[in-house]
Amino acid sequence: MSERLQKIRMGDLLIQHDVITQQQLEFALQEQKLSGAKLGRTLIDLQFVDEDRMLELLSEQLGVPFLRLKEFHFDQAVTQRLPESTARRYRAIALKEVGGEMLVGMADPTDIFAFDDIGRALGQPIALAVVRESELLESLDMLYRRTDEIVSLAEELSDELEGEAFDLSDFDAADSEDAPIARLLQSIFEDAIQVRASDIHLEPDDTVLRIRQRVDGVLQEQVMNEKRIAPALVLRLKLMSGLNISEKRLPQDGRFNIKVKQHIVDVRLSTLPTQHGESLVMRLLDNSAGNLDINKIGMRPAMQERFLQSLHQPHGLILVCGPTGSGKTTTLYGALAELNRPETKIITVEDPVEYQLPRINQCQVKSKIGLDFAAVLRACLRQDPDVLLVGEIRDTETAEIAVRAALTGHLVLSTLHTNDAVSSAMRLIDMGVDGYLVASSVHAVVAQRLVRRICDACQHEYTPNAKENQLLIKWLGDDLASAKFFKGSGCSHCNMTGYRGRMGVFEFLEIDDAMSDALRRNSAADFARAVDQSEHYVPLNMAALEYACEGATTIDEVFRVSEIETI
């Protein structure tokens, strides 16, 4: 194998098969000198060659298989035999044993030095397979969890703290990165980012410390026996957030930035005094994730087009509703990114400010000093805005100001904690806003939920049981006979959950004349009937069911979104 590898030069091979030109190769070589990346990666980034075409050619030339890791079922015991440092250095992953050889997937199987070092690290002969680099890196993040490393660092920190009083200098946020507490926190954050966690919970119990990560909306727990490290972690994180380290009786909020795997992550921290010590929750906001694009929030194309039309109206009120954790903030920031132009003055009133956006004036609510939503909103109206974002309409005063701002030439975006679009407009009336003002100001309402995606690697067709069929037939009728449903069986790609990632489910309601008349009369029944007769309105449950019929999510997720408790 090594002799055959020595005869392969990537550039010459691609030119020989008319995949690239000599000029493109020379340009790529110049770029490679500047970036230090592999030639293949450089050619792909320059869009001179399609990655799959290049890998298929390598596979054919070397006589090795081209494997798609998204479809491969990993054995973690086998994967872990190759040290993580070696795997990441050479862009390689151990797959399975075949006839006394270890099959290793590599993004660049022509790397002779990597071939030899991997063989030594495994202590046995190896056979190669070609894999996509993006799939390889994703698999490495998934398989090499930091669980053991976190436990080891926690034990090291516990030993260091045993029998000693805290010395603040030991926990200074600016101290050495080699300190056990610094390395422990770095590992916790890296592990959370690897599994795409949205939140990290540090919860001291009577005898243990629980570290929980919210992944795809579900908490995953790691229990640590070293409870004595909890105060040290709290102290360190408070220092990093600029909080009062001596205040342990009252809740506190803060934030800080941390760099993890070339990502700048904004961490929003909240402390809460409990019986066994302070509980911490950290919300992870990846500023480099590029998730603030209106095109990436998951709306259907037809719905998104109507939503964009509403956004580009010169004035009016647009509401986004749903429970906590349903993705409302992402939708609103996506809308702001769409509206963010040099000629448009945008002011936001938030509690707290989650993402920091250029050119947008973002104001943090501070209720302790009387700077509540209503007070800030009144001040914002004197700042000559074109667009206003109100983080949440919580009371009558805020609602009235937002409505009147929408009626006086401003586009106003805000959220309400209601279950669906139908109840949102009526909620404003219930809060004390006159119906004729609501009818004249509200242009559109978006209601949304997040549902989990079925894991592509372990997806299989599924037959609904009798109870599920009873409910499905009410929605699909005769179409149920031809409908197909899927679920995940659980694999290494999805941490045995059957799900990987989440997607938004939306209902979009445009207020028409019939709905406006019902609002002016304060008639909830007439408003609901007008909504049912709307041409484009699709309820949340039906929107989720469409995704289930397409194989994107499961029946269980549809029922969860529909708040049906009989399953």
Protein backbone atom coordinates (compact mmCIF):
# COMPACT_ATOMS: atom_id res chain seq x y z
CA MET A 1 0.00 0.00 0.00
CA SER A 2 2.73 2.49 0.94
CA GLU A 3 4.56 1.96 -2.40
CA ARG A 4 1.35 2.61 -4.29
CA LEU A 5 0.72 5.75 -2.27
CA GLN A 6 4.14 7.14 -3.09
CA LYS A 7 3.34 7.08 -6.79
CA ILE A 8 0.21 9.23 -6.42
CA ARG A 9 0.42 12.99 -6.70
CA MET A 10 -2.96 14.63 -6.25
CA GLY A 11 -2.40 17.48 -8.70
CA ASP A 12 -0.99 15.29 -11.47
CA LEU A 13 -3.80 12.78 -11.02
CA LEU A 14 -6.51 15.43 -11.41
CA ILE A 15 -4.83 16.94 -14.47
CA GLN A 16 -4.40 13.50 -16.02
CA HIS A 17 -8.16 12.89 -15.78
CA ASP A 18 -9.03 16.41 -17.03
CA VAL A 19 -10.59 17.36 -13.72
CA ILE A 20 -8.50 20.56 -13.39
CA THR A 21 -6.15 22.53 -15.64
CA GLN A 22 -2.45 23.20 -15.17
CA GLN A 23 -3.21 26.87 -14.52
CA GLN A 24 -5.70 25.95 -11.80
CA LEU A 25 -3.15 23.63 -10.19
CA GLU A 26 -0.48 26.34 -10.15
CA PHE A 27 -2.90 28.85 -8.64
CA ALA A 28 -4.01 26.32 -5.99
CA LEU A 29 -0.38 25.58 -5.08
CA GLN A 30 0.21 29.29 -4.50
CA GLU A 31 -2.89 29.50 -2.29
CA GLN A 32 -1.81 26.37 -0.44
CA LYS A 33 1.51 28.02 0.51
CA LEU A 34 -0.41 30.90 2.08
CA SER A 35 -3.07 28.85 3.89
CA GLY A 36 -1.05 25.75 4.85
CA ALA A 37 -4.03 23.54 3.99
CA LYS A 38 -3.89 20.28 2.04
CA LEU A 39 -3.90 20.63 -1.76
CA GLY A 40 -7.15 18.70 -2.09
CA ARG A 41 -8.87 20.95 0.47
CA THR A 42 -7.53 24.04 -1.32
CA LEU A 43 -8.85 22.87 -4.70
CA ILE A 44 -12.27 22.19 -3.17
CA ASP A 45 -12.41 25.56 -1.40
CA LEU A 46 -11.47 27.29 -4.68
CA GLN A 47 -14.31 25.34 -6.36
CA PHE A 48 -11.90 23.96 -8.95
CA VAL A 49 -13.05 20.42 -8.23
CA ASP A 50 -16.08 18.70 -6.73
CA GLU A 51 -15.17 16.84 -3.53
CA ASP A 52 -17.09 13.67 -4.41
CA ARG A 53 -15.54 13.55 -7.90
CA MET A 54 -12.05 13.90 -6.45
CA LEU A 55 -12.63 11.22 -3.82
CA GLU A 56 -14.15 8.82 -6.35
CA LEU A 57 -11.09 9.29 -8.54
CA LEU A 58 -8.76 8.63 -5.61
CA SER A 59 -10.78 5.56 -4.69
CA GLU A 60 -10.49 4.18 -8.21
CA GLN A 61 -6.80 4.99 -8.56
CA LEU A 62 -5.77 3.58 -5.18
CA GLY A 63 -8.11 0.61 -5.29
CA VAL A 64 -9.74 1.49 -1.96
CA PRO A 65 -13.45 1.97 -1.14
CA PHE A 66 -15.15 5.37 -0.96
CA LEU A 67 -17.32 5.32 2.19
CA ARG A 68 -20.03 7.75 3.25
CA LEU A 69 -19.70 8.10 7.01
CA LYS A 70 -23.25 9.39 7.38
CA GLU A 71 -24.40 5.88 6.47
CA PHE A 72 -21.77 4.04 8.52
CA HIS A 73 -22.58 2.50 11.91
CA PHE A 74 -19.64 3.03 14.23
CA ASP A 75 -18.37 0.78 16.99
CA GLN A 76 -17.01 3.20 19.59
CA ALA A 77 -14.73 0.53 21.06
CA VAL A 78 -13.03 0.29 17.67
CA THR A 79 -12.98 4.05 17.06
CA GLN A 80 -11.38 4.79 20.43
CA ARG A 81 -8.38 2.58 19.61
CA LEU A 82 -7.04 5.44 17.51
CA PRO A 83 -6.07 8.35 19.83
CA GLU A 84 -8.07 11.50 19.24
CA SER A 85 -4.94 13.61 18.70
CA THR A 86 -3.79 11.28 15.92
CA ALA A 87 -7.25 11.11 14.37
CA ARG A 88 -7.61 14.89 14.21
CA ARG A 89 -4.02 15.50 13.10
CA TYR A 90 -4.26 13.19 10.10
CA ARG A 91 -7.98 13.53 9.39
CA ALA A 92 -8.53 9.81 9.98
CA ILE A 93 -10.97 7.53 11.77
CA ALA A 94 -10.81 3.82 12.70
CA LEU A 95 -13.83 2.02 11.24
CA LYS A 96 -13.67 -1.78 11.66
CA GLU A 97 -11.35 -4.79 11.67
CA VAL A 98 -11.25 -6.84 8.48
CA GLY A 99 -9.08 -9.94 8.24
CA GLY A 100 -6.57 -8.81 10.85
CA GLU A 101 -6.34 -5.29 9.38
CA MET A 102 -7.96 -2.14 10.69
CA LEU A 103 -10.00 -0.29 8.08
CA VAL A 104 -9.22 3.42 8.46
CA GLY A 105 -11.13 6.22 6.74
CA MET A 106 -8.99 9.15 5.58
CA ALA A 107 -9.76 12.41 3.84
CA ASP A 108 -6.33 12.28 2.16
CA PRO A 109 -5.25 8.64 1.68
CA THR A 110 -2.12 9.74 -0.26
CA ASP A 111 -0.45 11.00 2.95
CA ILE A 112 2.41 8.53 3.45
CA PHE A 113 3.48 9.88 6.83
CA ALA A 114 -0.07 9.64 8.14
CA PHE A 115 -0.33 6.04 6.89
CA ASP A 116 2.79 5.01 8.81
CA ASP A 117 1.93 6.93 12.02
CA ILE A 118 -1.61 5.59 12.14
CA GLY A 119 -0.32 2.03 11.71
CA ARG A 120 2.08 2.53 14.63
CA ALA A 121 -0.62 4.10 16.81
CA LEU A 122 -2.98 1.17 16.19
CA GLY A 123 -0.25 -1.46 16.46
CA GLN A 124 -1.55 -3.47 13.49
CA PRO A 125 -1.69 -3.36 9.69
CA ILE A 126 -4.22 -0.95 8.24
CA ALA A 127 -6.37 -0.80 5.14
CA LEU A 128 -7.63 2.52 3.80
CA ALA A 129 -10.95 3.95 2.74
CA VAL A 130 -11.62 7.39 1.27
CA VAL A 131 -14.12 9.60 3.15
CA ARG A 132 -15.44 13.16 2.90
CA GLU A 133 -13.55 15.53 5.18
CA SER A 134 -16.72 17.29 6.40
CA GLU A 135 -18.32 13.97 7.38
CA LEU A 136 -15.07 12.86 8.99
CA LEU A 137 -14.76 15.95 11.20
CA GLU A 138 -18.42 15.70 12.21
CA SER A 139 -17.94 12.03 13.14
CA LEU A 140 -14.83 12.82 15.20
CA ASP A 141 -16.75 15.45 17.18
CA MET A 142 -19.53 12.96 17.79
CA LEU A 143 -17.42 9.96 18.77
CA TYR A 144 -14.61 11.54 20.79
CA ARG A 145 -16.66 12.94 23.64
CA ARG A 146 -14.80 14.70 26.46
CA THR A 147 -16.56 12.67 29.17
CA ASP A 148 -13.49 10.81 30.43
CA GLU A 149 -11.33 13.92 30.14
CA ILE A 150 -13.85 15.95 32.17
CA VAL A 151 -13.93 13.28 34.89
CA SER A 152 -10.13 13.15 35.02
CA LEU A 153 -9.77 16.94 35.24
CA ALA A 154 -12.51 17.10 37.89
CA GLU A 155 -10.60 14.55 40.00
CA GLU A 156 -7.39 16.54 39.54
CA LEU A 157 -9.10 19.75 40.64
CA SER A 158 -10.72 18.01 43.58
CA ASP A 159 -7.36 16.71 44.76
CA GLU A 160 -5.92 20.21 44.47
CA LEU A 161 -8.73 21.68 46.56
CA GLU A 162 -8.81 18.98 49.23
CA GLY A 163 -8.20 20.36 52.66
CA GLU A 164 -7.37 23.87 51.38
CA ALA A 165 -9.19 27.15 51.57
CA PHE A 166 -9.94 28.98 48.36
CA ASP A 167 -7.31 31.43 47.22
CA LEU A 168 -8.90 33.95 44.86
CA SER A 169 -5.65 34.27 42.93
CA ASP A 170 -5.96 30.61 41.98
CA PHE A 171 -9.25 31.27 40.22
CA ASP A 172 -8.56 34.55 38.53
CA ALA A 173 -10.18 34.63 35.10
CA ALA A 174 -6.89 35.77 33.61
CA ASP A 175 -4.65 33.12 35.20
CA SER A 176 -2.75 30.35 33.44
CA GLU A 177 -4.61 28.23 30.93
CA ASP A 178 -2.76 25.23 32.37
CA ALA A 179 -4.59 25.46 35.70
CA PRO A 180 -6.86 22.43 36.29
CA ILE A 181 -9.98 24.59 36.63
CA ALA A 182 -9.24 26.38 33.33
CA ARG A 183 -8.67 23.09 31.50
CA LEU A 184 -11.82 21.58 33.05
CA LEU A 185 -14.02 24.47 31.91
CA GLN A 186 -12.44 24.42 28.45
CA SER A 187 -13.23 20.70 28.16
CA ILE A 188 -16.81 21.24 29.33
CA PHE A 189 -17.34 23.96 26.71
CA GLU A 190 -15.64 21.97 23.94
CA ASP A 191 -17.76 18.91 24.69
CA ALA A 192 -20.91 21.03 24.64
CA ILE A 193 -20.01 22.60 21.29
CA GLN A 194 -19.14 19.19 19.80
CA VAL A 195 -22.63 17.83 20.54
CA ARG A 196 -24.35 21.11 19.51
CA ALA A 197 -25.67 21.82 23.02
CA SER A 198 -27.68 25.00 23.50
CA ASP A 199 -27.30 25.13 27.30
CA ILE A 200 -24.98 23.84 30.03
CA HIS A 201 -26.39 23.27 33.54
CA LEU A 202 -24.11 23.00 36.59
CA GLU A 203 -26.26 21.73 39.46
CA PRO A 204 -24.81 20.86 42.89
CA ASP A 205 -26.70 18.15 44.73
CA ASP A 206 -26.31 16.72 48.22
CA THR A 207 -23.31 14.54 47.37
CA VAL A 208 -22.66 15.04 43.63
CA LEU A 209 -22.33 17.69 40.95
CA ARG A 210 -24.55 17.25 37.92
CA ILE A 211 -23.43 18.59 34.55
CA ARG A 212 -26.32 18.57 32.10
CA GLN A 213 -26.33 19.63 28.45
CA ARG A 214 -29.46 20.44 26.46
CA VAL A 215 -29.02 18.80 23.05
CA ASP A 216 -31.86 19.09 20.52
CA GLY A 217 -34.11 20.29 23.32
CA VAL A 218 -33.42 17.28 25.60
CA LEU A 219 -31.13 17.29 28.66
CA GLN A 220 -28.24 14.80 28.81
CA GLU A 221 -26.68 14.25 32.24
CA GLN A 222 -23.18 13.54 33.52
CA VAL A 223 -22.85 12.96 37.26
CA MET A 224 -19.60 13.97 39.00
CA ASN A 225 -18.71 12.61 42.45
CA GLU A 226 -16.36 15.54 43.10
CA LYS A 227 -18.97 17.91 44.57
CA ARG A 228 -16.28 20.02 46.26
CA ILE A 229 -15.29 21.45 42.86
CA ALA A 230 -18.70 23.13 42.43
CA PRO A 231 -17.87 26.32 44.42
CA ALA A 232 -14.59 26.67 42.53
CA LEU A 233 -16.36 26.41 39.16
CA VAL A 234 -18.98 28.93 40.26
CA LEU A 235 -16.30 31.33 41.46
CA ARG A 236 -14.31 31.07 38.25
CA LEU A 237 -17.39 31.60 36.05
CA LYS A 238 -18.53 34.57 38.14
CA LEU A 239 -15.13 36.19 37.69
CA MET A 240 -15.29 35.57 33.94
CA SER A 241 -18.77 37.16 33.84
CA GLY A 242 -17.87 40.17 35.98
CA LEU A 243 -20.36 39.22 38.70
CA ASN A 244 -20.20 39.86 42.44
CA ILE A 245 -18.36 36.82 43.80
CA SER A 246 -19.33 37.55 47.41
CA GLU A 247 -23.09 37.56 46.65
CA LYS A 248 -24.40 34.03 47.05
CA ARG A 249 -27.91 34.79 48.32
CA LEU A 250 -29.40 36.47 45.24
CA PRO A 251 -29.64 35.40 41.59
CA GLN A 252 -27.24 37.11 39.18
CA ASP A 253 -26.95 37.38 35.40
CA GLY A 254 -23.83 37.95 33.34
CA ARG A 255 -22.11 37.06 30.09
CA PHE A 256 -18.66 36.45 28.61
CA ASN A 257 -17.05 35.27 25.39
CA ILE A 258 -14.99 32.12 24.91
CA LYS A 259 -13.17 30.75 21.88
CA VAL A 260 -13.89 27.09 21.18
CA LYS A 261 -12.64 25.35 18.03
CA GLN A 262 -12.26 28.59 16.09
CA HIS A 263 -15.77 29.67 17.11
CA ILE A 264 -16.39 32.73 19.23
CA VAL A 265 -19.15 31.63 21.60
CA ASP A 266 -21.11 34.19 23.59
CA VAL A 267 -22.02 32.65 26.94
CA ARG A 268 -25.00 34.03 28.86
CA LEU A 269 -24.79 32.97 32.50
CA SER A 270 -27.48 32.84 35.17
CA THR A 271 -26.96 31.91 38.84
CA LEU A 272 -29.62 30.72 41.26
CA PRO A 273 -29.13 30.02 45.00
CA THR A 274 -30.31 26.51 45.91
CA GLN A 275 -30.26 24.30 48.98
CA HIS A 276 -26.92 22.72 48.09
CA GLY A 277 -25.17 25.73 46.56
CA GLU A 278 -25.49 27.98 43.54
CA SER A 279 -26.93 26.45 40.36
CA LEU A 280 -25.59 27.82 37.07
CA VAL A 281 -27.14 27.74 33.62
CA MET A 282 -25.14 28.90 30.62
CA ARG A 283 -26.81 29.62 27.28
CA LEU A 284 -24.36 29.14 24.39
CA LEU A 285 -24.77 31.59 21.52
CA ASP A 286 -22.45 30.81 18.62
CA ASN A 287 -21.82 34.16 16.91
CA SER A 288 -20.00 32.50 14.02
CA ALA A 289 -22.71 29.96 13.31
CA GLY A 290 -24.38 32.04 10.62
CA ASN A 291 -27.79 31.02 11.93
CA LEU A 292 -29.28 34.50 11.79
CA ASP A 293 -30.24 34.17 8.12
CA ILE A 294 -33.96 34.33 7.37
CA ASN A 295 -33.39 31.72 4.67
CA LYS A 296 -32.13 29.20 7.24
CA ILE A 297 -34.86 29.28 9.88
CA GLY A 298 -36.81 26.47 8.16
CA MET A 299 -39.90 28.17 6.72
CA ARG A 300 -41.54 26.72 3.65
CA PRO A 301 -40.68 28.82 0.56
CA ALA A 302 -44.27 30.01 0.01
CA MET A 303 -44.68 30.97 3.69
CA GLN A 304 -41.29 32.67 3.76
CA GLU A 305 -42.23 34.78 0.74
CA ARG A 306 -45.37 36.05 2.49
CA PHE A 307 -43.41 36.66 5.69
CA LEU A 308 -40.82 38.72 3.79
CA GLN A 309 -43.62 40.75 2.19
CA SER A 310 -44.91 41.58 5.67
CA LEU A 311 -41.41 42.52 6.85
CA HIS A 312 -41.01 45.02 4.05
CA GLN A 313 -44.21 46.89 4.89
CA PRO A 314 -43.47 50.46 6.02
CA HIS A 315 -45.37 50.09 9.28
CA GLY A 316 -47.43 47.66 11.34
CA LEU A 317 -47.00 45.08 14.09
CA ILE A 318 -45.65 41.59 13.44
CA LEU A 319 -45.88 39.10 16.31
CA VAL A 320 -43.87 35.91 16.82
CA CYS A 321 -45.36 33.58 19.41
CA GLY A 322 -44.58 30.27 21.01
CA PRO A 323 -43.39 28.85 24.35
CA THR A 324 -39.88 29.29 25.75
CA GLY A 325 -37.28 27.51 23.63
CA SER A 326 -39.33 27.45 20.44
CA GLY A 327 -36.91 29.52 18.36
CA LYS A 328 -38.67 32.89 18.50
CA THR A 329 -35.43 34.81 19.03
CA THR A 330 -33.78 33.15 16.03
CA THR A 331 -36.73 34.11 13.82
CA LEU A 332 -36.69 37.71 15.04
CA TYR A 333 -32.94 38.09 14.55
CA GLY A 334 -33.29 36.57 11.10
CA ALA A 335 -35.92 39.22 10.35
CA LEU A 336 -33.60 41.96 11.65
CA ALA A 337 -30.75 40.68 9.48
CA GLU A 338 -33.09 40.93 6.48
CA LEU A 339 -34.05 44.52 7.38
CA ASN A 340 -30.56 45.68 8.38
CA ARG A 341 -29.61 48.29 5.77
CA PRO A 342 -27.65 51.57 6.01
CA GLU A 343 -30.81 53.54 5.23
CA THR A 344 -32.87 51.83 7.97
CA LYS A 345 -32.69 52.84 11.64
CA ILE A 346 -33.33 49.80 13.84
CA ILE A 347 -33.61 49.84 17.63
CA THR A 348 -34.19 46.79 19.80
CA VAL A 349 -35.39 46.56 23.40
CA GLU A 350 -34.35 43.20 24.84
CA ASP A 351 -34.03 41.31 28.09
CA PRO A 352 -31.34 40.18 27.63
CA VAL A 353 -29.53 41.12 24.41
CA GLU A 354 -28.64 37.72 22.97
CA TYR A 355 -26.81 38.38 19.69
CA GLN A 356 -24.91 41.58 19.02
CA LEU A 357 -25.61 42.87 15.52
CA PRO A 358 -23.77 45.61 13.62
CA ARG A 359 -25.57 48.88 12.80
CA ILE A 360 -28.44 48.02 15.16
CA ASN A 361 -28.98 49.96 18.39
CA GLN A 362 -29.64 47.30 21.05
CA CYS A 363 -30.88 48.35 24.48
CA GLN A 364 -30.82 46.12 27.56
CA VAL A 365 -33.80 46.29 29.91
CA LYS A 366 -32.82 46.88 33.55
CA SER A 367 -35.92 46.63 35.72
CA LYS A 368 -34.00 47.20 38.96
CA ILE A 369 -33.40 50.82 38.02
CA GLY A 370 -36.81 51.37 36.47
CA LEU A 371 -35.63 50.78 32.90
CA ASP A 372 -38.42 48.41 31.89
CA PHE A 373 -39.77 47.65 28.42
CA ALA A 374 -42.30 50.50 28.49
CA ALA A 375 -39.77 53.10 29.67
CA VAL A 376 -37.17 52.09 27.07
CA LEU A 377 -39.78 51.91 24.33
CA ARG A 378 -40.98 55.44 25.03
CA ALA A 379 -37.39 56.69 24.83
CA CYS A 380 -36.78 54.74 21.60
CA LEU A 381 -39.66 56.51 19.87
CA ARG A 382 -37.75 59.78 20.31
CA GLN A 383 -34.69 58.27 18.54
CA ASP A 384 -36.25 58.48 15.05
CA PRO A 385 -36.42 54.70 14.39
CA ASP A 386 -37.78 52.98 11.28
CA VAL A 387 -37.95 49.53 12.87
CA LEU A 388 -38.48 48.62 16.52
CA LEU A 389 -37.98 45.22 18.09
CA VAL A 390 -39.59 44.67 21.48
CA GLY A 391 -38.18 41.51 23.04
CA GLU A 392 -41.47 40.59 24.69
CA ILE A 393 -44.85 42.23 25.28
CA ARG A 394 -45.43 41.48 28.96
CA ASP A 395 -47.90 44.10 30.18
CA THR A 396 -50.63 46.47 29.04
CA GLU A 397 -48.40 49.54 28.94
CA THR A 398 -45.82 47.89 26.68
CA ALA A 399 -48.58 46.51 24.45
CA GLU A 400 -50.23 49.91 24.04
CA ILE A 401 -46.96 51.67 23.20
CA ALA A 402 -46.02 48.96 20.68
CA VAL A 403 -49.44 49.16 19.01
CA ARG A 404 -49.38 52.96 18.82
CA ALA A 405 -45.84 52.89 17.45
CA ALA A 406 -47.05 50.55 14.69
CA LEU A 407 -49.86 52.99 13.91
CA THR A 408 -47.54 55.99 13.69
CA GLY A 409 -45.29 54.86 10.86
CA HIS A 410 -43.00 52.29 12.52
CA LEU A 411 -42.52 48.62 11.79
CA VAL A 412 -42.67 46.85 15.15
CA LEU A 413 -41.54 43.25 15.79
CA SER A 414 -42.28 41.53 19.07
CA THR A 415 -43.03 38.23 20.81
CA LEU A 416 -45.90 36.88 22.87
CA HIS A 417 -46.00 33.75 25.00
CA THR A 418 -49.10 32.23 23.42
CA ASN A 419 -49.63 28.73 22.06
CA ASP A 420 -50.76 29.60 18.53
CA ALA A 421 -51.25 32.44 16.08
CA VAL A 422 -55.03 32.53 16.57
CA SER A 423 -54.84 33.40 20.26
CA SER A 424 -52.08 36.04 19.88
CA ALA A 425 -54.16 38.90 18.49
CA MET A 426 -56.92 38.27 21.02
CA ARG A 427 -54.30 38.20 23.77
CA LEU A 428 -53.50 41.87 23.10
CA ILE A 429 -57.18 42.70 23.59
CA ASP A 430 -57.23 40.66 26.80
CA MET A 431 -54.26 42.73 28.00
CA GLY A 432 -56.36 45.87 27.70
CA VAL A 433 -55.56 47.20 24.21
CA ASP A 434 -58.65 48.44 22.36
CA GLY A 435 -59.81 46.05 19.64
CA TYR A 436 -59.88 48.72 16.92
CA LEU A 437 -56.20 49.52 17.65
CA VAL A 438 -55.23 45.84 17.44
CA ALA A 439 -57.19 45.45 14.18
CA SER A 440 -55.46 48.45 12.63
CA SER A 441 -51.92 47.63 13.76
CA VAL A 442 -51.36 43.85 13.62
CA HIS A 443 -50.38 42.75 10.11
CA ALA A 444 -49.15 39.20 10.66
CA VAL A 445 -48.56 36.59 13.36
CA VAL A 446 -46.01 33.75 13.29
CA ALA A 447 -46.39 30.81 15.66
CA GLN A 448 -43.64 28.25 15.86
CA ARG A 449 -42.20 25.18 17.54
CA LEU A 450 -39.01 23.20 17.20
CA VAL A 451 -39.23 19.50 16.37
CA ARG A 452 -36.38 17.01 16.30
CA ARG A 453 -35.13 15.65 12.98
CA ILE A 454 -34.90 11.91 12.44
CA CYS A 455 -31.29 10.73 12.29
CA ASP A 456 -30.38 10.03 8.66
CA ALA A 457 -28.07 7.17 9.61
CA CYS A 458 -30.65 5.00 11.41
CA GLN A 459 -33.91 6.10 9.80
CA HIS A 460 -36.39 3.32 8.98
CA GLU A 461 -40.04 3.05 8.04
CA TYR A 462 -42.47 2.72 10.92
CA THR A 463 -46.08 1.57 11.18
CA PRO A 464 -48.20 3.65 13.60
CA ASN A 465 -49.94 1.79 16.40
CA ALA A 466 -53.70 1.70 16.95
CA LYS A 467 -53.85 4.75 19.24
CA GLU A 468 -51.76 6.81 16.83
CA ASN A 469 -53.94 5.74 13.92
CA GLN A 470 -57.06 6.94 15.72
CA LEU A 471 -55.68 10.46 15.82
CA LEU A 472 -53.98 10.39 12.42
CA ILE A 473 -57.18 9.41 10.62
CA LYS A 474 -58.86 12.58 11.94
CA TRP A 475 -56.18 14.65 10.24
CA LEU A 476 -55.45 12.64 7.08
CA GLY A 477 -58.71 10.75 6.45
CA ASP A 478 -58.41 8.45 3.45
CA ASP A 479 -54.88 9.75 2.74
CA LEU A 480 -53.61 7.83 5.79
CA ALA A 481 -53.59 4.58 3.80
CA SER A 482 -50.90 5.87 1.43
CA ALA A 483 -48.90 7.83 4.03
CA LYS A 484 -45.49 6.55 5.17
CA PHE A 485 -43.92 7.36 8.51
CA PHE A 486 -40.37 6.97 9.77
CA LYS A 487 -38.38 6.94 13.00
CA GLY A 488 -34.77 6.43 14.09
CA SER A 489 -33.65 3.20 15.71
CA GLY A 490 -30.73 4.89 17.50
CA CYS A 491 -27.07 4.74 16.52
CA SER A 492 -23.67 6.28 17.24
CA HIS A 493 -24.48 9.26 15.00
CA CYS A 494 -27.38 10.38 17.20
CA ASN A 495 -26.16 9.15 20.61
CA MET A 496 -28.80 6.37 20.45
CA THR A 497 -31.69 8.85 20.50
CA GLY A 498 -32.95 8.36 16.94
CA TYR A 499 -32.84 12.13 16.41
CA ARG A 500 -30.14 14.50 15.20
CA GLY A 501 -30.76 18.22 14.96
CA ARG A 502 -33.96 20.26 15.07
CA MET A 503 -36.11 22.11 12.58
CA GLY A 504 -38.71 24.85 12.85
CA VAL A 505 -42.42 24.24 12.34
CA PHE A 506 -44.39 27.38 11.59
CA GLU A 507 -47.90 28.67 11.14
CA PHE A 508 -48.27 32.07 9.50
CA LEU A 509 -51.39 34.18 9.84
CA GLU A 510 -51.97 37.32 7.79
CA ILE A 511 -54.69 39.53 9.20
CA ASP A 512 -57.35 40.11 6.51
CA ASP A 513 -60.52 42.24 6.52
CA ALA A 514 -62.72 39.54 8.08
CA MET A 515 -60.26 39.02 10.94
CA SER A 516 -59.94 42.78 11.47
CA ASP A 517 -63.74 43.13 11.75
CA ALA A 518 -63.80 40.38 14.38
CA LEU A 519 -61.04 42.09 16.35
CA ARG A 520 -62.88 45.41 16.32
CA ARG A 521 -65.89 43.61 17.80
CA ASN A 522 -63.70 41.78 20.35
CA SER A 523 -65.23 38.53 19.10
CA ALA A 524 -62.88 35.57 19.59
CA ALA A 525 -65.36 33.15 17.97
CA ASP A 526 -65.72 35.25 14.81
CA PHE A 527 -61.94 35.71 14.66
CA ALA A 528 -61.39 31.93 14.85
CA ARG A 529 -63.95 31.34 12.08
CA ALA A 530 -62.28 33.96 9.89
CA VAL A 531 -58.92 32.27 10.44
CA ASP A 532 -60.36 28.87 9.43
CA GLN A 533 -61.61 30.41 6.19
CA SER A 534 -58.22 31.96 5.38
CA GLU A 535 -56.74 30.68 2.13
CA HIS A 536 -53.11 30.28 3.21
CA TYR A 537 -53.40 29.47 6.92
CA VAL A 538 -52.08 26.03 7.92
CA PRO A 539 -52.23 25.09 11.64
CA LEU A 540 -49.10 23.99 13.46
CA ASN A 541 -50.20 20.37 13.77
CA MET A 542 -50.76 20.05 10.03
CA ALA A 543 -47.46 21.76 9.25
CA ALA A 544 -45.66 19.30 11.54
CA LEU A 545 -47.60 16.39 10.03
CA GLU A 546 -46.40 17.39 6.56
CA TYR A 547 -42.81 17.04 7.79
CA ALA A 548 -43.63 13.64 9.30
CA CYS A 549 -45.13 12.43 6.00
CA GLU A 550 -41.92 13.57 4.27
CA GLY A 551 -39.79 11.51 6.68
CA ALA A 552 -38.16 14.53 8.32
CA THR A 553 -39.61 13.99 11.81
CA THR A 554 -41.64 11.43 13.75
CA ILE A 555 -45.29 11.07 14.72
CA ASP A 556 -44.25 11.48 18.37
CA GLU A 557 -42.84 14.93 17.58
CA VAL A 558 -46.05 15.89 15.74
CA PHE A 559 -48.14 14.93 18.74
CA ARG A 560 -45.80 16.84 21.07
CA VAL A 561 -46.15 19.99 18.99
CA SER A 562 -49.91 19.48 18.87
CA GLU A 563 -49.97 19.11 22.66
CA ILE A 564 -51.89 15.84 22.48
CA GLU A 565 -51.53 13.87 25.69
CA THR A 566 -53.34 10.68 24.74
CA ILE A 567 -50.40 8.95 23.09
